[in-house]
Amino acid sequence: MKNILILSNFESYSINATTYAMQFFSGQSCHFYFLNIVKVWEYTTDNLMAATNDETLYDTILSSSKSKLKKKVAYLEKTYAEEDFIFTDLVDYDVFTDAIQQAVKAYNIDCILMGADGKSNFTERLFGSHSTRVVRKVDCPVCIIPDNYSYVSIHHVLLVLDQKNVYSSYIFDKAFKIIDRKSITVSVLRLSESEPLYKKEEVRQIAKDFDQSNVPYFHLSQRTDDKGKQLQIVDEVLHADINVISTRPTSFSSRIFKNSGVDELISKIKKPTFFLKD
């Protein structure tokens, strides 16, 4: 049984991510943990003064979220009664990423799934501000679902590698415990200043892992001024059903957040994306 942690804040993009998850995992055996993390600054003195003598401060702060989440779980249990799904509601009051990391360890989570809210600046448009912190700080595969994205069957996966990443069967297996590799083909996008010396060995290993005789391999130099080539790669990305990115916090991620030019490419990706830490 797969253990999936879905971050739930009751916003439209969070609801959309839940709908995607139910369709993605249909026919599989899954235990879904829905986690809502309460923000202390959303509560005023009046809220706390309204607590009864029998309630603790903790209960008062969490009660509204607990009620909403229990209703959501009850709805999902009824809607997906024919599926082999288990639903558990979790509400916490803690530092955002700390609460998630604790849940990952406590419930042996295989993957975190969350929605992106489509805000205007780069990191928020792609990830959502909370999603950025999860990708960078939580030690678990993270799948981000763009707002308003509707589920389609997974047939083509784009593997994205950074300059300092070498393809690793071990790292990518974390995503393909979730994605069924039997029904897919893969392509590779390498983001680096030059093609790696080990390209042939890398492609050979990918072909072996995915039982694929030909692996399309694209290299995008971050120094190129060729916008046509950038658009060609973006077009290839947009034809994938899902992207799987292997990254290190100090390499690929840090350059994105520093607006290195990769952001222009990545901001155009509108597909579900797995992030794996190398």
Foldseek 3Di string as FASTA:
>chain_A
DAEEEQEDPPDQQSVQQVQQVCVLQFPHAYEYEYEYEFEPVVDDPVQQVPDDPVDDSQCSRCVVVVVVQVVVLVVVCVVPVVGNYHYHYHYYYDDLLVVVQVCCVVVVHLEYEYEQDCDDDLCNNQQNPSRLCNLQPHAHKYKYAYRPDDDDQAAEEEEEEEAPDQDDPVQCVSVCVSPPLQRYAYEYEYEEQDDDPCVVVRQVVVCVVSVHPDHHYHYDHLPDPPVVSLVVVLVVLQPGQEYEYEDASPTPVVCCVVPSNVSVSSSSRNHIYIYTYD
